[in-house]
Amino acid sequence: MEKIIIFDTTLRDGEQAPGASMNSFQKLEVAAQLEKLGVDIIEAGFPVASPGDFAAVSAIAKLIKKAGVCGLARCIDKDIEYAGRAVKKARHPRIHLFLATSRIHLKYKFKKAEDEIASIARGSIRQARKFCCDIEFSPEDATRTEKYFLYRMIELAINEGCRTINIPDTVGYSYPQEIYSLITDIRNNVPNIDKAILAIHCHNDLGLATANSLSAVLAGARQVHCTVNGIGERAGNASLEEVVMAMKTRKDVFGDFYTDIHTKEIFRTSRLVSKLTDFIVPPNKAIVGANAFAHESGIHQDAVLKKRITYEIMDPHDVGIAESQLILGKHSGRHAFRERLKSLGFWLNEEQLNKAFGRFKEVADKKKAIFDDDLRAIVEDEIRLAKPLWQLNSFEVTSGTKIKPEATVALIKKSKNISGTSFGDGPVDACFKAIDKITGYKAKLEDFRLEAVTSGKDALGRVSLKLKIKNSIISGRGASTDIIEAAVRAYLDAVNKLKTK
């Protein structure tokens, strides 16, 4: 088996994403976690960019014991000096030089001929080697560089002592077959390529960074540049977690390769980078997104409960996630609903389950997700009385700053629908008085409390109240995403208890 070297550039290319800047202390925290994750090379920053970046790279170089620490530099004397000084105290220092080689960059950015670019590269590599022996060279915009010149620059860099040659798809322009062909052509046309490790650096402008990186590995690249959560310039870089887990999961394709990544640290690393950069991980992000191991569809939930591999190609434990989630929502089925209730300590008979499931579906149509506290409220609300005398059918409320609140409530009693209408001091009071008209009771409200069962704008609200009816104090509870409905349900819960006293 062959090892694939993981070169993490979260602290350099990742931090270049607009708004992702970290201070020195934050970069140290990420670097320590990256070493714990098991990356081979940490590109700690661009030392010449600012005094803060130089200080951060220097501090990381002193902190890290196992991984290599790399500083980026253009082929400019000052850049190389700053990078060399910054990584000087690292146990495994590396300087990463880059110089554009595509005709587009030569014409519009440098305004230089190919021979001049070759001369600059030669001199810069020789200068960098005065600071350390591990030099990586990147012909920037390699995927848009004329192949004859790309081969020439790679051969030159290796002859000057570069141990690693990186092929950047700088603007995310390539596609997998093209990358595979390019790496193959480099291996077949650069005579001294066997003296260096071939690396790949892909950007995600077309959403192909991970796929391109994996194609490069299959073609012969043995180092992959990537970032945690795929952050980076513009649309980002190849995602570390995607590259690593693709190779681990698809052993039928990548069985000859391995990495030293401790995959159970992936989720922790992802959340740390997200927290420190304020870049929220999209819920649908592969591997580390909130929905990566979550299932709402009833068909999927039923299958996963029977056998996880039906809809999960990875074990969530392998990336540091405690367990899969069966998200209860409007698409969920009875099987998942029953299993979740069992985990919460509710063991319902078939009649109770049917009743609770019906109520759950009503609430699920109003909320994006149902939480455990929602379920507790729903079940307690529905099964408290097996056969209530009065059941809510519907209610309508008219209210406003210049309108006297009016409510019409329709209740069901022994399969018969009975309606009542009343005015009140507010919409809730109007509903209560309408119920009194229907039931014939004259209840006095002694206590009324409203609380949110869960968080969010669509939270389930729970009303707890006490009524005084016929010299008895009776409590009631009700829950709904609509606080008026929650109040009506609580009122009916109390009224229904009267017949049991």
Protein backbone atom coordinates (compact mmCIF):
# COMPACT_ATOMS: atom_id res chain seq x y z
CA MET A 1 0.00 0.00 0.00
CA GLU A 2 1.09 3.56 -0.69
CA LYS A 3 0.63 6.50 1.62
CA ILE A 4 -1.13 9.64 0.40
CA ILE A 5 0.40 12.66 2.09
CA ILE A 6 -2.19 15.14 3.39
CA PHE A 7 -0.98 18.72 3.01
CA ASP A 8 -3.39 20.93 4.92
CA THR A 9 -3.59 24.55 3.84
CA THR A 10 -6.50 25.65 6.05
CA LEU A 11 -4.29 28.22 7.78
CA ARG A 12 -3.02 29.65 4.50
CA ASP A 13 -5.31 29.18 1.50
CA GLY A 14 -8.31 28.51 3.74
CA GLU A 15 -7.73 31.70 5.69
CA GLN A 16 -7.59 33.65 2.42
CA ALA A 17 -11.35 33.15 2.05
CA PRO A 18 -12.91 36.60 2.58
CA GLY A 19 -13.94 36.90 6.22
CA ALA A 20 -12.08 33.79 7.42
CA SER A 21 -9.07 35.52 9.00
CA MET A 22 -7.83 34.18 12.34
CA ASN A 23 -5.53 35.75 14.89
CA SER A 24 -2.32 34.09 16.07
CA PHE A 25 -3.93 32.37 19.07
CA GLN A 26 -6.70 30.95 16.92
CA LYS A 27 -4.22 29.70 14.33
CA LEU A 28 -2.24 27.97 17.06
CA GLU A 29 -5.41 26.27 18.28
CA VAL A 30 -6.21 25.03 14.78
CA ALA A 31 -2.63 23.89 14.19
CA ALA A 32 -2.64 21.83 17.38
CA GLN A 33 -5.90 20.15 16.31
CA LEU A 34 -4.54 19.52 12.81
CA GLU A 35 -1.60 17.67 14.33
CA LYS A 36 -4.03 15.67 16.45
CA LEU A 37 -6.01 14.95 13.28
CA GLY A 38 -2.86 13.50 11.75
CA VAL A 39 -2.12 15.75 8.79
CA ASP A 40 1.41 15.38 7.40
CA ILE A 41 2.14 18.99 6.43
CA ILE A 42 0.59 22.14 7.89
CA GLU A 43 0.90 25.14 5.60
CA ALA A 44 0.82 27.62 8.46
CA GLY A 45 0.59 30.85 6.50
CA PHE A 46 2.17 33.39 4.17
CA PRO A 47 4.87 34.91 6.43
CA VAL A 48 5.60 38.01 4.35
CA ALA A 49 1.89 38.96 4.22
CA SER A 50 1.86 40.67 7.63
CA PRO A 51 3.73 40.78 10.95
CA GLY A 52 0.85 38.80 12.46
CA ASP A 53 1.15 36.04 9.89
CA PHE A 54 4.92 35.85 10.37
CA ALA A 55 4.45 35.59 14.14
CA ALA A 56 1.76 32.92 13.76
CA VAL A 57 3.87 30.76 11.44
CA SER A 58 6.85 31.12 13.77
CA ALA A 59 4.78 30.13 16.80
CA ILE A 60 3.29 27.14 14.99
CA ALA A 61 6.78 26.05 13.91
CA LYS A 62 7.81 25.91 17.57
CA LEU A 63 4.58 24.21 18.72
CA ILE A 64 4.20 21.35 16.23
CA LYS A 65 6.24 18.23 16.95
CA LYS A 66 5.16 15.61 14.39
CA ALA A 67 3.81 17.29 11.27
CA GLY A 68 5.87 19.35 8.89
CA VAL A 69 5.37 23.12 9.06
CA CYS A 70 5.36 25.03 5.79
CA GLY A 71 5.52 28.71 4.88
CA LEU A 72 4.39 30.01 1.49
CA ALA A 73 6.55 32.34 -0.59
CA ARG A 74 6.48 33.91 -3.99
CA CYS A 75 9.70 33.70 -5.98
CA ILE A 76 10.80 36.99 -4.45
CA ASP A 77 13.84 37.37 -2.20
CA LYS A 78 11.95 39.04 0.65
CA ASP A 79 9.22 36.40 0.63
CA ILE A 80 11.73 33.58 0.78
CA GLU A 81 13.69 35.19 3.60
CA TYR A 82 10.54 35.69 5.71
CA ALA A 83 9.34 32.15 5.06
CA GLY A 84 12.76 30.69 5.89
CA ARG A 85 13.00 32.61 9.14
CA ALA A 86 9.41 31.76 10.12
CA VAL A 87 9.80 27.97 9.79
CA LYS A 88 13.39 27.90 11.03
CA LYS A 89 12.57 26.31 14.40
CA ALA A 90 10.18 23.68 13.06
CA ARG A 91 11.25 20.07 13.46
CA HIS A 92 10.29 19.48 9.84
CA PRO A 93 10.45 22.86 8.04
CA ARG A 94 9.31 23.36 4.46
CA ILE A 95 9.19 26.35 2.12
CA HIS A 96 6.52 26.32 -0.56
CA LEU A 97 7.48 28.41 -3.59
CA PHE A 98 5.03 29.33 -6.31
CA LEU A 99 5.47 31.04 -9.65
CA ALA A 100 2.89 31.42 -12.40
CA THR A 101 3.65 29.55 -15.62
CA SER A 102 0.51 29.83 -17.79
CA ARG A 103 0.58 31.99 -20.87
CA ILE A 104 -2.32 34.05 -19.43
CA HIS A 105 -0.35 34.90 -16.27
CA LEU A 106 2.92 35.49 -18.10
CA LYS A 107 1.25 37.93 -20.47
CA TYR A 108 -1.02 39.84 -18.13
CA LYS A 109 0.51 39.47 -14.65
CA PHE A 110 4.27 39.28 -15.18
CA LYS A 111 4.77 40.53 -18.74
CA LYS A 112 7.78 38.22 -18.93
CA ALA A 113 9.05 35.61 -21.36
CA GLU A 114 9.34 31.93 -20.51
CA ASP A 115 13.13 32.06 -20.20
CA GLU A 116 12.86 34.87 -17.66
CA ILE A 117 10.36 32.84 -15.60
CA ALA A 118 12.67 29.83 -15.67
CA SER A 119 15.58 31.98 -14.50
CA ILE A 120 13.54 33.45 -11.63
CA ALA A 121 12.49 29.96 -10.50
CA ARG A 122 16.08 28.68 -10.57
CA GLY A 123 17.39 31.55 -8.47
CA SER A 124 14.54 31.39 -5.96
CA ILE A 125 14.86 27.66 -5.37
CA ARG A 126 18.60 28.05 -4.75
CA GLN A 127 17.92 30.84 -2.25
CA ALA A 128 15.21 28.83 -0.46
CA ARG A 129 17.52 25.85 -0.08
CA LYS A 130 19.83 28.01 2.04
CA PHE A 131 17.07 28.04 4.70
CA CYS A 132 15.93 24.39 4.54
CA CYS A 133 16.30 21.32 2.37
CA ASP A 134 12.58 20.57 1.95
CA ILE A 135 11.34 22.77 -0.89
CA GLU A 136 8.00 22.40 -2.66
CA PHE A 137 7.47 24.13 -5.99
CA SER A 138 4.13 25.06 -7.56
CA PRO A 139 3.87 26.21 -11.19
CA GLU A 140 0.83 28.40 -10.55
CA ASP A 141 -2.11 27.92 -12.94
CA ALA A 142 -0.50 24.66 -14.04
CA THR A 143 -3.69 23.28 -15.57
CA ARG A 144 -3.77 26.17 -18.07
CA THR A 145 -0.02 26.09 -18.77
CA GLU A 146 1.33 24.91 -22.12
CA LYS A 147 2.51 21.36 -21.46
CA TYR A 148 5.96 21.73 -22.99
CA PHE A 149 6.69 24.66 -20.65
CA LEU A 150 5.13 22.92 -17.66
CA TYR A 151 7.39 19.89 -18.22
CA ARG A 152 10.39 22.20 -18.52
CA MET A 153 9.64 24.03 -15.27
CA ILE A 154 9.04 20.81 -13.32
CA GLU A 155 12.30 19.28 -14.58
CA LEU A 156 14.17 22.48 -13.68
CA ALA A 157 12.70 22.59 -10.17
CA ILE A 158 13.61 18.96 -9.46
CA ASN A 159 17.13 19.48 -10.80
CA GLU A 160 17.51 22.41 -8.39
CA GLY A 161 16.56 20.19 -5.45
CA CYS A 162 12.77 20.47 -4.98
CA ARG A 163 11.45 17.37 -3.21
CA THR A 164 7.80 18.01 -4.04
CA ILE A 165 6.19 19.31 -7.20
CA ASN A 166 2.65 20.57 -6.77
CA ILE A 167 0.21 20.90 -9.67
CA PRO A 168 -2.31 23.66 -8.87
CA ASP A 169 -5.66 23.92 -10.59
CA THR A 170 -5.52 27.52 -9.42
CA VAL A 171 -8.85 28.68 -10.79
CA GLY A 172 -10.77 25.39 -10.55
CA TYR A 173 -10.96 25.11 -14.33
CA SER A 174 -10.27 21.41 -14.86
CA TYR A 175 -12.40 18.29 -14.71
CA PRO A 176 -11.45 14.79 -13.46
CA GLN A 177 -10.47 13.15 -16.76
CA GLU A 178 -8.39 16.18 -17.69
CA ILE A 179 -6.55 16.08 -14.35
CA TYR A 180 -5.94 12.35 -14.72
CA SER A 181 -4.46 12.88 -18.19
CA LEU A 182 -2.30 15.80 -17.03
CA ILE A 183 -0.76 13.88 -14.11
CA THR A 184 -0.19 10.89 -16.39
CA ASP A 185 1.47 13.09 -19.03
CA ILE A 186 3.75 14.70 -16.43
CA ARG A 187 4.86 11.29 -15.20
CA ASN A 188 5.54 10.15 -18.76
CA ASN A 189 7.28 13.28 -20.04
CA VAL A 190 9.38 14.71 -17.19
CA PRO A 191 12.56 12.60 -17.12
CA ASN A 192 13.44 13.17 -13.45
CA ILE A 193 9.90 13.03 -12.03
CA ASP A 194 10.79 9.91 -10.01
CA LYS A 195 13.01 12.09 -7.81
CA ALA A 196 10.11 14.10 -6.41
CA ILE A 197 6.67 13.58 -4.95
CA LEU A 198 3.90 14.76 -7.23
CA ALA A 199 1.15 16.75 -5.48
CA ILE A 200 -2.22 18.18 -6.48
CA HIS A 201 -3.91 21.43 -5.39
CA CYS A 202 -7.51 21.89 -6.58
CA HIS A 203 -9.98 24.73 -6.25
CA ASN A 204 -13.73 24.31 -6.27
CA ASP A 205 -14.93 26.94 -8.72
CA LEU A 206 -16.84 24.30 -10.71
CA GLY A 207 -17.55 22.09 -7.70
CA LEU A 208 -14.95 19.54 -8.83
CA ALA A 209 -12.09 20.03 -6.35
CA THR A 210 -12.54 16.74 -4.50
CA ALA A 211 -13.21 14.74 -7.66
CA ASN A 212 -10.18 16.27 -9.37
CA SER A 213 -7.94 15.54 -6.37
CA LEU A 214 -9.03 11.90 -6.30
CA SER A 215 -8.43 11.57 -10.04
CA ALA A 216 -4.92 12.90 -9.50
CA VAL A 217 -4.29 10.25 -6.85
CA LEU A 218 -5.41 7.50 -9.23
CA ALA A 219 -3.07 8.92 -11.88
CA GLY A 220 -0.03 8.99 -9.59
CA ALA A 221 -0.15 12.04 -7.30
CA ARG A 222 0.93 11.10 -3.79
CA GLN A 223 0.26 14.35 -1.95
CA VAL A 224 -3.09 16.18 -1.79
CA HIS A 225 -3.54 19.82 -0.80
CA CYS A 226 -6.81 20.35 1.03
CA THR A 227 -8.55 22.39 3.71
CA VAL A 228 -10.92 21.60 6.56
CA ASN A 229 -14.53 22.14 5.45
CA GLY A 230 -13.19 23.00 1.99
CA ILE A 231 -12.76 26.69 2.87
CA GLY A 232 -10.52 28.83 0.70
CA GLU A 233 -10.30 31.45 -2.04
CA ARG A 234 -13.55 32.04 -3.94
CA ALA A 235 -15.49 28.73 -3.91
CA GLY A 236 -12.86 27.07 -1.73
CA ASN A 237 -10.39 24.20 -1.92
CA ALA A 238 -10.63 20.43 -1.99
CA SER A 239 -12.22 19.37 1.29
CA LEU A 240 -9.93 17.33 3.55
CA GLU A 241 -12.77 15.30 5.02
CA GLU A 242 -14.18 14.47 1.59
CA VAL A 243 -10.84 13.39 0.12
CA VAL A 244 -9.89 11.26 3.12
CA MET A 245 -13.28 9.61 3.60
CA ALA A 246 -13.71 8.94 -0.12
CA MET A 247 -10.47 6.95 -0.08
CA LYS A 248 -11.43 5.18 3.13
CA THR A 249 -14.97 4.37 2.01
CA ARG A 250 -14.25 3.31 -1.57
CA LYS A 251 -11.69 0.61 -0.87
CA ASP A 252 -12.67 -1.05 -4.15
CA VAL A 253 -11.11 1.93 -5.94
CA PHE A 254 -8.55 3.28 -3.44
CA GLY A 255 -7.63 0.06 -1.66
CA ASP A 256 -3.94 0.48 -2.53
CA PHE A 257 -3.75 3.82 -0.70
CA TYR A 258 -3.99 5.05 2.88
CA THR A 259 -3.58 8.25 4.89
CA ASP A 260 -2.47 8.82 8.47
CA ILE A 261 -5.58 10.87 9.26
CA HIS A 262 -7.29 9.92 12.53
CA THR A 263 -10.76 10.14 11.05
CA LYS A 264 -12.53 10.20 14.41
CA GLU A 265 -11.09 13.71 14.85
CA ILE A 266 -12.67 14.99 11.63
CA PHE A 267 -15.92 16.28 13.10
CA ARG A 268 -14.19 17.97 16.04
CA THR A 269 -11.73 19.65 13.66
CA SER A 270 -14.54 20.77 11.37
CA ARG A 271 -16.46 22.41 14.20
CA LEU A 272 -13.33 24.12 15.57
CA VAL A 273 -12.51 25.69 12.20
CA SER A 274 -16.13 26.70 11.72
CA LYS A 275 -16.22 28.34 15.15
CA LEU A 276 -12.97 30.26 14.75
CA THR A 277 -13.62 31.49 11.21
CA ASP A 278 -17.36 32.11 11.68
CA PHE A 279 -17.90 30.09 8.50
CA ILE A 280 -21.01 28.02 9.18
CA VAL A 281 -20.88 24.48 7.80
CA PRO A 282 -23.86 24.05 5.43
CA PRO A 283 -26.25 21.36 6.70
CA ASN A 284 -25.93 19.46 3.41
CA LYS A 285 -22.10 19.50 3.48
CA ALA A 286 -20.70 16.04 2.85
CA ILE A 287 -19.22 14.19 5.86
CA VAL A 288 -19.55 16.99 8.45
CA GLY A 289 -22.84 18.75 7.65
CA ALA A 290 -25.69 18.48 10.16
CA ASN A 291 -27.66 16.40 7.66
CA ALA A 292 -24.80 14.14 6.55
CA PHE A 293 -26.03 11.29 8.76
CA ALA A 294 -29.62 12.43 9.21
CA HIS A 295 -32.73 10.84 7.74
CA GLU A 296 -36.26 12.27 7.63
CA SER A 297 -37.92 10.24 4.89
CA GLY A 298 -40.08 7.51 6.39
CA ILE A 299 -38.85 4.99 3.81
CA HIS A 300 -35.21 5.75 4.64
CA GLN A 301 -35.80 5.75 8.39
CA ASP A 302 -37.52 2.38 8.29
CA ALA A 303 -34.66 0.86 6.28
CA VAL A 304 -31.92 2.40 8.46
CA LEU A 305 -33.59 1.06 11.60
CA LYS A 306 -33.54 -2.39 10.02
CA LYS A 307 -30.00 -2.17 8.58
CA ARG A 308 -27.87 0.98 8.68
CA ILE A 309 -25.99 0.32 5.43
CA THR A 310 -29.19 0.58 3.39
CA TYR A 311 -28.83 4.36 3.34
CA GLU A 312 -25.48 5.06 5.03
CA ILE A 313 -22.21 4.31 3.24
CA MET A 314 -20.15 5.43 6.24
CA ASP A 315 -20.37 4.83 9.96
CA PRO A 316 -20.82 8.22 11.70
CA HIS A 317 -18.51 7.01 14.50
CA ASP A 318 -15.65 6.90 11.97
CA VAL A 319 -15.70 10.69 11.62
CA GLY A 320 -16.36 11.45 15.27
CA ILE A 321 -20.15 11.80 15.16
CA ALA A 322 -21.93 10.01 17.99
CA GLU A 323 -24.72 8.46 15.94
CA SER A 324 -27.03 8.80 12.98
CA GLN A 325 -30.09 10.97 13.45
CA LEU A 326 -33.61 10.07 12.55
CA ILE A 327 -35.04 13.54 12.11
CA LEU A 328 -38.74 13.52 12.76
CA GLY A 329 -40.66 15.71 10.35
CA LYS A 330 -43.59 15.57 7.99
CA HIS A 331 -41.87 12.89 5.85
CA SER A 332 -41.23 10.56 8.79
CA GLY A 333 -43.00 7.26 9.17
CA ARG A 334 -44.63 5.36 12.02
CA HIS A 335 -41.61 3.08 12.58
CA ALA A 336 -39.21 5.94 13.37
CA PHE A 337 -41.89 7.68 15.44
CA ARG A 338 -42.47 4.57 17.57
CA GLU A 339 -38.72 3.98 18.07
CA ARG A 340 -38.13 7.58 19.13
CA LEU A 341 -40.98 7.40 21.64
CA LYS A 342 -39.53 4.20 23.09
CA SER A 343 -36.16 5.93 23.54
CA LEU A 344 -38.00 8.69 25.44
CA GLY A 345 -39.72 6.16 27.71
CA PHE A 346 -43.15 6.10 26.08
CA TRP A 347 -44.53 2.63 25.42
CA LEU A 348 -47.87 3.16 23.71
CA ASN A 349 -50.49 0.66 22.67
CA GLU A 350 -51.71 0.71 19.08
CA GLU A 351 -54.62 3.05 19.78
CA GLN A 352 -52.46 5.52 21.68
CA LEU A 353 -49.74 5.34 19.01
CA ASN A 354 -52.23 6.06 16.22
CA LYS A 355 -53.61 9.02 18.10
CA ALA A 356 -50.19 10.44 18.97
CA PHE A 357 -48.92 9.84 15.41
CA GLY A 358 -51.87 11.73 13.96
CA ARG A 359 -51.15 14.70 16.22
CA PHE A 360 -47.45 14.46 15.38
CA LYS A 361 -48.23 14.74 11.66
CA GLU A 362 -50.36 17.83 12.31
CA VAL A 363 -47.52 19.52 14.17
CA ALA A 364 -44.92 18.34 11.63
CA ASP A 365 -46.76 20.18 8.86
CA LYS A 366 -46.14 23.39 10.80
CA LYS A 367 -42.54 22.79 11.93
CA LYS A 368 -39.40 21.94 9.96
CA ALA A 369 -38.21 19.49 12.59
CA ILE A 370 -39.70 17.89 15.67
CA PHE A 371 -37.50 17.76 18.75
CA ASP A 372 -37.69 15.37 21.69
CA ASP A 373 -39.34 17.96 23.90
CA ASP A 374 -41.95 18.50 21.19
CA LEU A 375 -42.66 14.77 21.22
CA ARG A 376 -43.02 14.67 24.98
CA ALA A 377 -45.52 17.52 24.84
CA ILE A 378 -47.45 15.94 21.98
CA VAL A 379 -47.70 12.52 23.62
CA GLU A 380 -48.55 13.87 27.05
CA ASP A 381 -51.13 16.12 25.42
CA GLU A 382 -52.78 13.32 23.45
CA ILE A 383 -52.76 10.29 25.73
CA ARG A 384 -53.65 11.97 29.00
CA LEU A 385 -57.31 11.07 28.43
CA ALA A 386 -57.95 8.01 26.33
CA LYS A 387 -61.45 9.10 25.27
CA PRO A 388 -62.04 12.80 25.99
CA LEU A 389 -65.62 13.96 26.09
CA TRP A 390 -64.83 17.15 24.21
CA GLN A 391 -62.44 17.21 21.24
CA LEU A 392 -61.27 20.21 19.28
CA ASN A 393 -62.43 20.29 15.68
CA SER A 394 -61.52 23.85 14.69
CA PHE A 395 -61.43 27.46 15.78
CA GLU A 396 -61.44 30.86 14.09
CA VAL A 397 -60.40 34.15 15.66
CA THR A 398 -60.87 37.75 14.56
CA SER A 399 -58.71 40.23 16.43
CA GLY A 400 -56.87 43.50 16.03
CA THR A 401 -56.02 46.82 17.66
CA LYS A 402 -59.37 48.36 16.62
CA ILE A 403 -61.49 45.20 16.61
CA LYS A 404 -63.15 43.54 19.57
CA PRO A 405 -61.75 39.97 19.59
CA GLU A 406 -64.26 37.34 18.48
CA ALA A 407 -63.84 33.57 18.35
CA THR A 408 -65.81 30.70 16.89
CA VAL A 409 -64.88 27.26 18.27
CA ALA A 410 -66.12 23.92 16.95
CA LEU A 411 -65.96 20.90 19.30
CA ILE A 412 -66.82 17.27 18.79
CA LYS A 413 -68.88 15.42 21.42
CA LYS A 414 -69.78 11.80 20.74
CA SER A 415 -69.26 12.27 16.99
CA LYS A 416 -71.48 15.37 16.98
CA ASN A 417 -70.06 18.73 15.90
CA ILE A 418 -71.10 21.68 18.12
CA SER A 419 -70.05 25.30 17.54
CA GLY A 420 -70.06 28.40 19.71
CA THR A 421 -69.14 32.05 19.15
CA SER A 422 -68.18 34.68 21.70
CA PHE A 423 -66.40 37.97 22.19
CA GLY A 424 -63.59 38.39 24.72
CA ASP A 425 -60.91 40.69 26.10
CA GLY A 426 -58.44 39.00 23.74
CA PRO A 427 -58.38 36.11 21.24
CA VAL A 428 -57.63 33.53 23.94
CA ASP A 429 -60.35 34.84 26.26
CA ALA A 430 -62.81 34.84 23.35
CA CYS A 431 -62.01 31.17 22.66
CA PHE A 432 -62.46 30.24 26.31
CA LYS A 433 -65.86 31.93 26.45
CA ALA A 434 -66.92 30.20 23.23
CA ILE A 435 -66.02 26.85 24.81
CA ASP A 436 -68.03 27.75 27.91
CA LYS A 437 -71.07 28.40 25.69
CA ILE A 438 -70.73 24.94 24.14
CA THR A 439 -70.01 22.96 27.31
CA GLY A 440 -72.37 24.85 29.59
CA TYR A 441 -69.67 25.28 32.23
CA LYS A 442 -68.78 28.64 33.72
CA ALA A 443 -65.09 28.37 34.34
CA LYS A 444 -62.91 30.95 36.05
CA LEU A 445 -59.28 31.16 34.97
CA GLU A 446 -57.10 30.95 38.08
CA ASP A 447 -53.66 30.62 36.47
CA PHE A 448 -52.22 30.77 32.94
CA ARG A 449 -48.62 30.08 31.87
CA LEU A 450 -47.03 29.89 28.42
CA GLU A 451 -43.57 28.52 27.67
CA ALA A 452 -41.63 27.51 24.57
CA VAL A 453 -41.00 23.77 24.51
CA THR A 454 -38.14 24.13 22.03
CA SER A 455 -36.18 26.98 20.44
CA GLY A 456 -36.77 28.76 17.15
CA LYS A 457 -39.55 30.80 15.58
CA ASP A 458 -41.57 27.65 14.93
CA ALA A 459 -41.14 26.37 18.49
CA LEU A 460 -43.90 24.35 20.06
CA GLY A 461 -45.59 26.43 22.75
CA ARG A 462 -47.00 24.77 25.86
CA VAL A 463 -49.79 26.31 27.93
CA SER A 464 -50.41 25.28 31.52
CA LEU A 465 -53.49 26.65 33.24
CA LYS A 466 -55.84 26.17 36.18
CA LEU A 467 -59.61 26.56 36.02
CA LYS A 468 -62.11 26.87 38.82
CA ILE A 469 -65.22 24.92 37.84
CA LYS A 470 -67.97 23.99 40.35
CA ASN A 471 -65.69 24.76 43.31
CA SER A 472 -62.99 22.49 41.90
CA ILE A 473 -59.54 23.63 40.77
CA ILE A 474 -58.60 21.68 37.65
CA SER A 475 -55.33 21.92 35.75
CA GLY A 476 -54.88 21.52 32.04
CA ARG A 477 -52.04 21.47 29.53
CA GLY A 478 -51.88 21.88 25.77
CA ALA A 479 -49.18 22.25 23.14
CA SER A 480 -49.07 23.63 19.60
CA THR A 481 -46.98 25.85 17.35
CA ASP A 482 -49.99 28.23 17.58
CA ILE A 483 -50.24 29.66 21.10
CA ILE A 484 -53.99 30.22 20.78
CA GLU A 485 -54.47 26.57 19.82
CA ALA A 486 -52.19 25.54 22.71
CA ALA A 487 -54.39 27.57 25.07
CA VAL A 488 -57.60 26.04 23.67
CA ARG A 489 -56.19 22.53 24.05
CA ALA A 490 -55.14 23.26 27.64
CA TYR A 491 -58.62 24.61 28.42
CA LEU A 492 -60.28 21.52 26.94
CA ASP A 493 -57.87 19.26 28.82
CA ALA A 494 -59.08 20.81 32.09
CA VAL A 495 -62.76 20.70 31.07
CA ASN A 496 -62.48 17.04 30.10
CA LYS A 497 -61.08 16.18 33.52
CA LEU A 498 -64.24 17.46 35.17
CA LYS A 499 -66.19 14.33 34.22
CA THR A 500 -63.65 12.17 36.05
CA LYS A 501 -63.99 14.02 39.34
